[in-house]
Each structure stands twice: as structure tokens, then as C-alpha cells.
Amino acid sequence: MKALVAALLVLAVGPGTDEDVVQREHVRFAGSAIVGRSCEGVIAANVEPGEAAIAFEYRLNGGRRAGTRDYVGSVTFSLGDVLITMPKSIAWSHMSQADRERAETLHRAIYHHEVGHVRIAEAVRDELNAHGAITAPDAFTFKAAADAAGREGFERFRAEERAYDAATDHGRKQHSAPGVLAGPDTVIVCR
């Protein structure tokens, strides 16, 4: 686990604030208000209040090298549609000012954790795009190698996503995340 957390620290160095990441990747948001009869009721009904859905995509670039029979190109990774689903607000009956502040702190923590998923995706994409060209003696071998690189890149993205959630317990231990990923935990203490 420590090795995965160290890898996340190296990866998650994307510049800017959470809002910068959201703007840079054109993140869309969805969700509705979470409303309950009590703080305990709101939390019990929403164990995992946020989710980031990221279309991690790749495409093949290249073709036959002029004057040879070789095929040369690369696999380029990109982030397609990025959707964060999280509560628009969190409320329960008879909230005090302190309750509203705790609910807003939880809302911001969920936002930060989910944007962390986007940071991880950006870092994996950028690292994979730094790899060199693929060269093959024919079109079939070239396409097979490029598809394998695309699948391996996607699996790398999925592994980093799982490692991030494991290291932070899906945000409940966000304070233990490395670097810019560290932040408030996605928990609320009901009083």
C-alpha cells in the first residue's frame, strides 16, 4: 500500500486548484440534494455520496513510414467526458448554524476527493503520452501493439483509481493522501 501511495504522490502533481482542474477538463456535475430527518439519517442513507466517471480514451496515430515497409506511430491517451456525481447540498431537519457548517465542510470534502480522481486521470494520461513511438514491420502487428498499449494504459488508469480510493478509504481518510490530494475527510460527526 505504501508503494501505491508513493506512486500517487508522484502522479498527482497536476497544477492548480480543484477549480482549475474542473475548468481544464470541462468537468460536468450531476446530483441532487441529500435531505433527511436527521444528520444520522442523511449519513446512513449515503455511504458513498460522490462518484467520478471518467472516459479514459486512446487513439492510434501513425502509419507507414515513408520509403520503408515499417509502420510507426503512437498511442495518444485523453480524457473524454468527465462527470462528477455528488450532492448539490446536504441538509436535515432543524439544522443549527454549526450543522450547516459541518454539512458544507462535508460537501467541500466530497468535491475535493472526486476532483482527486480527475487529477489521477490527468497524471496517468500525461505519463502514458510521454512514451515513445511504436514501430512494427506490418500494419497488423502495428495495430496489435497499439491496441495492447491502449489496453495496458486503461488498466493502469483503473489501477491508479483503485489505489487512490484504497489509500483514502474512498475519501473517509483523505487527510492521509499525498501532496495536493490531501484534504478534509468525507465524514461528518453528528451531534
C-alpha atoms as a PDB file:
ATOM      1  CA  MET A   1       0.000   0.000   0.000  1.00  0.00           C
ATOM      2  CA  LYS A   2       2.857   2.427   0.791  1.00  0.00           C
ATOM      3  CA  ALA A   3       4.251   1.907  -2.703  1.00  0.00           C
ATOM      4  CA  LEU A   4       0.878   2.788  -4.227  1.00  0.00           C
ATOM      5  CA  VAL A   5       0.604   5.924  -2.102  1.00  0.00           C
ATOM      6  CA  ALA A   6       4.127   6.929  -3.153  1.00  0.00           C
ATOM      7  CA  ALA A   7       3.152   6.387  -6.782  1.00  0.00           C
ATOM      8  CA  LEU A   8       0.100   8.574  -6.286  1.00  0.00           C
ATOM      9  CA  LEU A   9       2.283  11.357  -4.871  1.00  0.00           C
ATOM     10  CA  VAL A  10       4.455  11.268  -7.975  1.00  0.00           C
ATOM     11  CA  LEU A  11       1.411  11.244 -10.243  1.00  0.00           C
ATOM     12  CA  ALA A  12      -0.867  13.769  -8.580  1.00  0.00           C
ATOM     13  CA  VAL A  13       1.113  16.896  -9.186  1.00  0.00           C
ATOM     14  CA  GLY A  14      -1.289  18.491 -11.632  1.00  0.00           C
ATOM     15  CA  PRO A  15      -1.091  22.243 -11.359  1.00  0.00           C
ATOM     16  CA  GLY A  16      -3.737  24.491  -9.915  1.00  0.00           C
ATOM     17  CA  THR A  17      -6.632  24.383  -7.577  1.00  0.00           C
ATOM     18  CA  ASP A  18      -9.521  21.948  -7.702  1.00  0.00           C
ATOM     19  CA  GLU A  19     -11.471  24.585  -9.632  1.00  0.00           C
ATOM     20  CA  ASP A  20      -8.617  24.854 -12.157  1.00  0.00           C
ATOM     21  CA  VAL A  21      -8.791  21.087 -12.732  1.00  0.00           C
ATOM     22  CA  VAL A  22     -12.571  21.255 -13.177  1.00  0.00           C
ATOM     23  CA  GLN A  23     -12.218  24.024 -15.769  1.00  0.00           C
ATOM     24  CA  ARG A  24      -9.258  22.459 -17.555  1.00  0.00           C
ATOM     25  CA  GLU A  25     -11.041  19.111 -18.018  1.00  0.00           C
ATOM     26  CA  HIS A  26     -14.534  20.555 -18.591  1.00  0.00           C
ATOM     27  CA  VAL A  27     -15.955  18.505 -15.724  1.00  0.00           C
ATOM     28  CA  ARG A  28     -19.724  18.191 -15.630  1.00  0.00           C
ATOM     29  CA  PHE A  29     -21.612  17.803 -12.365  1.00  0.00           C
ATOM     30  CA  ALA A  30     -24.786  15.926 -11.528  1.00  0.00           C
ATOM     31  CA  GLY A  31     -26.574  15.076  -8.350  1.00  0.00           C
ATOM     32  CA  SER A  32     -29.391  16.156  -6.138  1.00  0.00           C
ATOM     33  CA  ALA A  33     -29.823  17.435  -2.634  1.00  0.00           C
ATOM     34  CA  ILE A  34     -29.429  14.945   0.174  1.00  0.00           C
ATOM     35  CA  VAL A  35     -32.164  15.666   2.700  1.00  0.00           C
ATOM     36  CA  GLY A  36     -33.052  13.670   5.768  1.00  0.00           C
ATOM     37  CA  ARG A  37     -34.864  13.780   9.047  1.00  0.00           C
ATOM     38  CA  SER A  38     -31.596  13.894  10.983  1.00  0.00           C
ATOM     39  CA  CYS A  39     -27.855  14.045  10.471  1.00  0.00           C
ATOM     40  CA  GLU A  40     -27.608  10.318  11.200  1.00  0.00           C
ATOM     41  CA  GLY A  41     -30.338   9.590   8.645  1.00  0.00           C
ATOM     42  CA  VAL A  42     -28.582  11.580   5.934  1.00  0.00           C
ATOM     43  CA  ILE A  43     -25.278   9.817   6.512  1.00  0.00           C
ATOM     44  CA  ALA A  44     -26.779   6.313   6.827  1.00  0.00           C
ATOM     45  CA  ALA A  45     -28.566   6.687   3.507  1.00  0.00           C
ATOM     46  CA  ASN A  46     -25.470   7.912   1.627  1.00  0.00           C
ATOM     47  CA  VAL A  47     -22.421   5.795   2.424  1.00  0.00           C
ATOM     48  CA  GLU A  48     -20.728   6.756  -0.876  1.00  0.00           C
ATOM     49  CA  PRO A  49     -22.029  10.248  -1.642  1.00  0.00           C
ATOM     50  CA  GLY A  50     -19.802  11.007  -4.640  1.00  0.00           C
ATOM     51  CA  GLU A  51     -18.521   9.368  -7.783  1.00  0.00           C
ATOM     52  CA  ALA A  52     -16.275  10.419 -10.645  1.00  0.00           C
ATOM     53  CA  ALA A  53     -16.946   8.826 -14.028  1.00  0.00           C
ATOM     54  CA  ILE A  54     -14.068   9.475 -16.413  1.00  0.00           C
ATOM     55  CA  ALA A  55     -13.935   8.365 -20.035  1.00  0.00           C
ATOM     56  CA  PHE A  56     -10.255   7.416 -20.338  1.00  0.00           C
ATOM     57  CA  GLU A  57      -9.713   7.064 -24.063  1.00  0.00           C
ATOM     58  CA  TYR A  58      -6.929   6.347 -26.518  1.00  0.00           C
ATOM     59  CA  ARG A  59      -6.396   6.634 -30.230  1.00  0.00           C
ATOM     60  CA  LEU A  60      -3.772   5.403 -32.622  1.00  0.00           C
ATOM     61  CA  ASN A  61      -1.694   7.910 -34.586  1.00  0.00           C
ATOM     62  CA  GLY A  62       0.674   6.993 -37.369  1.00  0.00           C
ATOM     63  CA  GLY A  63       1.034   4.764 -40.383  1.00  0.00           C
ATOM     64  CA  ARG A  64       3.550   3.531 -42.884  1.00  0.00           C
ATOM     65  CA  ARG A  65       6.949   5.173 -42.669  1.00  0.00           C
ATOM     66  CA  ALA A  66       7.837   6.762 -45.993  1.00  0.00           C
ATOM     67  CA  GLY A  67      10.375   4.785 -48.007  1.00  0.00           C
ATOM     68  CA  THR A  68      10.126   1.682 -45.801  1.00  0.00           C
ATOM     69  CA  ARG A  69       7.780  -1.158 -45.053  1.00  0.00           C
ATOM     70  CA  ASP A  70       7.693  -0.270 -41.348  1.00  0.00           C
ATOM     71  CA  TYR A  71       4.715   1.206 -39.583  1.00  0.00           C
ATOM     72  CA  VAL A  72       5.395   3.881 -36.967  1.00  0.00           C
ATOM     73  CA  GLY A  73       3.089   5.735 -34.651  1.00  0.00           C
ATOM     74  CA  SER A  74       1.965   6.258 -31.123  1.00  0.00           C
ATOM     75  CA  VAL A  75      -0.982   5.789 -28.829  1.00  0.00           C
ATOM     76  CA  THR A  76      -2.396   9.043 -27.506  1.00  0.00           C
ATOM     77  CA  PHE A  77      -4.452   8.975 -24.334  1.00  0.00           C
ATOM     78  CA  SER A  78      -7.074  11.584 -23.472  1.00  0.00           C
ATOM     79  CA  LEU A  79      -9.868  12.269 -21.040  1.00  0.00           C
ATOM     80  CA  GLY A  80     -13.252  12.307 -22.695  1.00  0.00           C
ATOM     81  CA  ASP A  81     -16.408  13.035 -20.766  1.00  0.00           C
ATOM     82  CA  VAL A  82     -15.769  13.654 -17.062  1.00  0.00           C
ATOM     83  CA  LEU A  83     -18.825  13.564 -14.812  1.00  0.00           C
ATOM     84  CA  ILE A  84     -18.779  14.021 -11.057  1.00  0.00           C
ATOM     85  CA  THR A  85     -21.942  12.969  -9.288  1.00  0.00           C
ATOM     86  CA  MET A  86     -22.223  14.392  -5.799  1.00  0.00           C
ATOM     87  CA  PRO A  87     -24.809  16.051  -3.582  1.00  0.00           C
ATOM     88  CA  LYS A  88     -25.802  19.576  -4.552  1.00  0.00           C
ATOM     89  CA  SER A  89     -26.478  20.195  -0.876  1.00  0.00           C
ATOM     90  CA  ILE A  90     -26.745  18.274   2.380  1.00  0.00           C
ATOM     91  CA  ALA A  91     -29.490  19.106   4.882  1.00  0.00           C
ATOM     92  CA  TRP A  92     -31.673  17.694   7.614  1.00  0.00           C
ATOM     93  CA  SER A  93     -34.466  18.949   9.802  1.00  0.00           C
ATOM     94  CA  HIS A  94     -33.748  21.568  12.438  1.00  0.00           C
ATOM     95  CA  MET A  95     -30.163  22.307  11.384  1.00  0.00           C
ATOM     96  CA  SER A  96     -28.221  24.725  13.540  1.00  0.00           C
ATOM     97  CA  GLN A  97     -25.568  27.064  12.132  1.00  0.00           C
ATOM     98  CA  ALA A  98     -22.918  24.582  13.306  1.00  0.00           C
ATOM     99  CA  ASP A  99     -24.775  21.792  11.469  1.00  0.00           C
ATOM    100  CA  ARG A 100     -24.837  23.846   8.260  1.00  0.00           C
ATOM    101  CA  GLU A 101     -21.107  24.482   8.565  1.00  0.00           C
ATOM    102  CA  ARG A 102     -20.388  20.773   9.090  1.00  0.00           C
ATOM    103  CA  ALA A 103     -22.590  19.883   6.123  1.00  0.00           C
ATOM    104  CA  GLU A 104     -20.777  22.431   3.942  1.00  0.00           C
ATOM    105  CA  THR A 105     -17.399  21.080   5.088  1.00  0.00           C
ATOM    106  CA  LEU A 106     -18.531  17.591   4.075  1.00  0.00           C
ATOM    107  CA  HIS A 107     -19.742  18.920   0.710  1.00  0.00           C
ATOM    108  CA  ARG A 108     -16.333  20.520   0.038  1.00  0.00           C
ATOM    109  CA  ALA A 109     -14.549  17.317   1.128  1.00  0.00           C
ATOM    110  CA  ILE A 110     -16.583  15.215  -1.312  1.00  0.00           C
ATOM    111  CA  TYR A 111     -15.800  17.713  -4.085  1.00  0.00           C
ATOM    112  CA  HIS A 112     -12.053  17.596  -3.307  1.00  0.00           C
ATOM    113  CA  HIS A 113     -11.976  13.783  -3.230  1.00  0.00           C
ATOM    114  CA  GLU A 114     -13.801  13.461  -6.553  1.00  0.00           C
ATOM    115  CA  VAL A 115     -11.603  16.086  -8.228  1.00  0.00           C
ATOM    116  CA  GLY A 116      -8.678  13.980  -6.964  1.00  0.00           C
ATOM    117  CA  HIS A 117      -9.877  11.228  -9.293  1.00  0.00           C
ATOM    118  CA  VAL A 118      -9.612  13.685 -12.186  1.00  0.00           C
ATOM    119  CA  ARG A 119      -6.084  14.666 -11.087  1.00  0.00           C
ATOM    120  CA  ILE A 120      -5.102  10.981 -11.065  1.00  0.00           C
ATOM    121  CA  ALA A 121      -6.530  10.526 -14.568  1.00  0.00           C
ATOM    122  CA  GLU A 122      -4.644  13.599 -15.830  1.00  0.00           C
ATOM    123  CA  ALA A 123      -1.376  12.357 -14.365  1.00  0.00           C
ATOM    124  CA  VAL A 124      -1.751   8.844 -15.798  1.00  0.00           C
ATOM    125  CA  ARG A 125      -2.691  10.307 -19.200  1.00  0.00           C
ATOM    126  CA  ASP A 126       0.321  12.631 -19.212  1.00  0.00           C
ATOM    127  CA  GLU A 127       2.728   9.890 -18.165  1.00  0.00           C
ATOM    128  CA  LEU A 128       1.425   7.465 -20.784  1.00  0.00           C
ATOM    129  CA  ASN A 129       1.577  10.125 -23.512  1.00  0.00           C
ATOM    130  CA  ALA A 130       5.271  10.643 -22.766  1.00  0.00           C
ATOM    131  CA  HIS A 131       6.081   7.122 -24.023  1.00  0.00           C
ATOM    132  CA  GLY A 132       7.911   6.661 -27.290  1.00  0.00           C
ATOM    133  CA  ALA A 133       6.755   5.549 -30.680  1.00  0.00           C
ATOM    134  CA  ILE A 134       5.621   2.073 -31.689  1.00  0.00           C
ATOM    135  CA  THR A 135       7.390   0.541 -34.668  1.00  0.00           C
ATOM    136  CA  ALA A 136       6.258  -2.650 -36.385  1.00  0.00           C
ATOM    137  CA  PRO A 137       7.067  -4.438 -39.634  1.00  0.00           C
ATOM    138  CA  ASP A 138       3.470  -4.533 -40.873  1.00  0.00           C
ATOM    139  CA  ALA A 139       0.057  -2.970 -40.299  1.00  0.00           C
ATOM    140  CA  PHE A 140      -1.381  -5.962 -38.412  1.00  0.00           C
ATOM    141  CA  THR A 141       1.498  -6.091 -35.904  1.00  0.00           C
ATOM    142  CA  PHE A 142       1.392  -2.316 -35.557  1.00  0.00           C
ATOM    143  CA  LYS A 143      -2.331  -2.275 -34.758  1.00  0.00           C
ATOM    144  CA  ALA A 144      -1.977  -5.190 -32.322  1.00  0.00           C
ATOM    145  CA  ALA A 145       0.871  -3.445 -30.461  1.00  0.00           C
ATOM    146  CA  ALA A 146      -1.042  -0.156 -30.352  1.00  0.00           C
ATOM    147  CA  ASP A 147      -4.214  -1.849 -29.084  1.00  0.00           C
ATOM    148  CA  ALA A 148      -2.187  -3.659 -26.412  1.00  0.00           C
ATOM    149  CA  ALA A 149      -0.636  -0.348 -25.327  1.00  0.00           C
ATOM    150  CA  GLY A 150      -4.115   1.204 -25.185  1.00  0.00           C
ATOM    151  CA  ARG A 151      -5.495  -1.623 -23.062  1.00  0.00           C
ATOM    152  CA  GLU A 152      -2.461  -1.527 -20.755  1.00  0.00           C
ATOM    153  CA  GLY A 153      -2.873   2.239 -20.371  1.00  0.00           C
ATOM    154  CA  PHE A 154      -6.534   1.854 -19.493  1.00  0.00           C
ATOM    155  CA  GLU A 155      -5.699  -0.851 -16.939  1.00  0.00           C
ATOM    156  CA  ARG A 156      -3.039   1.419 -15.463  1.00  0.00           C
ATOM    157  CA  PHE A 157      -5.654   4.163 -15.101  1.00  0.00           C
ATOM    158  CA  ARG A 158      -8.064   1.740 -13.388  1.00  0.00           C
ATOM    159  CA  ALA A 159      -5.306   0.512 -11.032  1.00  0.00           C
ATOM    160  CA  GLU A 160      -4.399   4.072 -10.019  1.00  0.00           C
ATOM    161  CA  GLU A 161      -8.073   4.859  -9.408  1.00  0.00           C
ATOM    162  CA  ARG A 162      -8.404   1.815  -7.153  1.00  0.00           C
ATOM    163  CA  ALA A 163      -5.160   2.680  -5.349  1.00  0.00           C
ATOM    164  CA  TYR A 164      -6.389   6.227  -4.693  1.00  0.00           C
ATOM    165  CA  ASP A 165      -9.673   5.000  -3.247  1.00  0.00           C
ATOM    166  CA  ALA A 166      -7.888   2.337  -1.193  1.00  0.00           C
ATOM    167  CA  ALA A 167      -5.353   4.821   0.182  1.00  0.00           C
ATOM    168  CA  THR A 168      -8.084   7.301   1.159  1.00  0.00           C
ATOM    169  CA  ASP A 169     -10.830   4.810   2.024  1.00  0.00           C
ATOM    170  CA  HIS A 170     -12.967   6.497  -0.651  1.00  0.00           C
ATOM    171  CA  GLY A 171     -12.290   9.898   0.931  1.00  0.00           C
ATOM    172  CA  ARG A 172     -13.008   8.948   4.518  1.00  0.00           C
ATOM    173  CA  LYS A 173      -9.235   9.210   5.167  1.00  0.00           C
ATOM    174  CA  GLN A 174      -8.464  11.941   2.632  1.00  0.00           C
ATOM    175  CA  HIS A 175      -6.083  13.573   5.114  1.00  0.00           C
ATOM    176  CA  SER A 176      -3.679  10.655   4.535  1.00  0.00           C
ATOM    177  CA  ALA A 177      -3.435  11.218   0.774  1.00  0.00           C
ATOM    178  CA  PRO A 178      -0.139  12.528  -0.592  1.00  0.00           C
ATOM    179  CA  GLY A 179       0.518  16.041  -1.856  1.00  0.00           C
ATOM    180  CA  VAL A 180      -2.299  18.029  -3.407  1.00  0.00           C
ATOM    181  CA  LEU A 181      -4.646  15.086  -2.933  1.00  0.00           C
ATOM    182  CA  ALA A 182      -4.630  15.522   0.844  1.00  0.00           C
ATOM    183  CA  GLY A 183      -7.643  17.288   2.264  1.00  0.00           C
ATOM    184  CA  PRO A 184     -10.551  17.027   4.659  1.00  0.00           C
ATOM    185  CA  ASP A 185     -12.091  13.615   5.229  1.00  0.00           C
ATOM    186  CA  THR A 186     -15.505  12.889   3.716  1.00  0.00           C
ATOM    187  CA  VAL A 187     -17.089  12.250   7.093  1.00  0.00           C
ATOM    188  CA  ILE A 188     -19.370  14.225   9.335  1.00  0.00           C
ATOM    189  CA  VAL A 189     -19.763  13.885  13.080  1.00  0.00           C
ATOM    190  CA  CYS A 190     -23.401  14.153  14.042  1.00  0.00           C
ATOM    191  CA  ARG A 191     -24.017  15.822  17.385  1.00  0.00           C
END
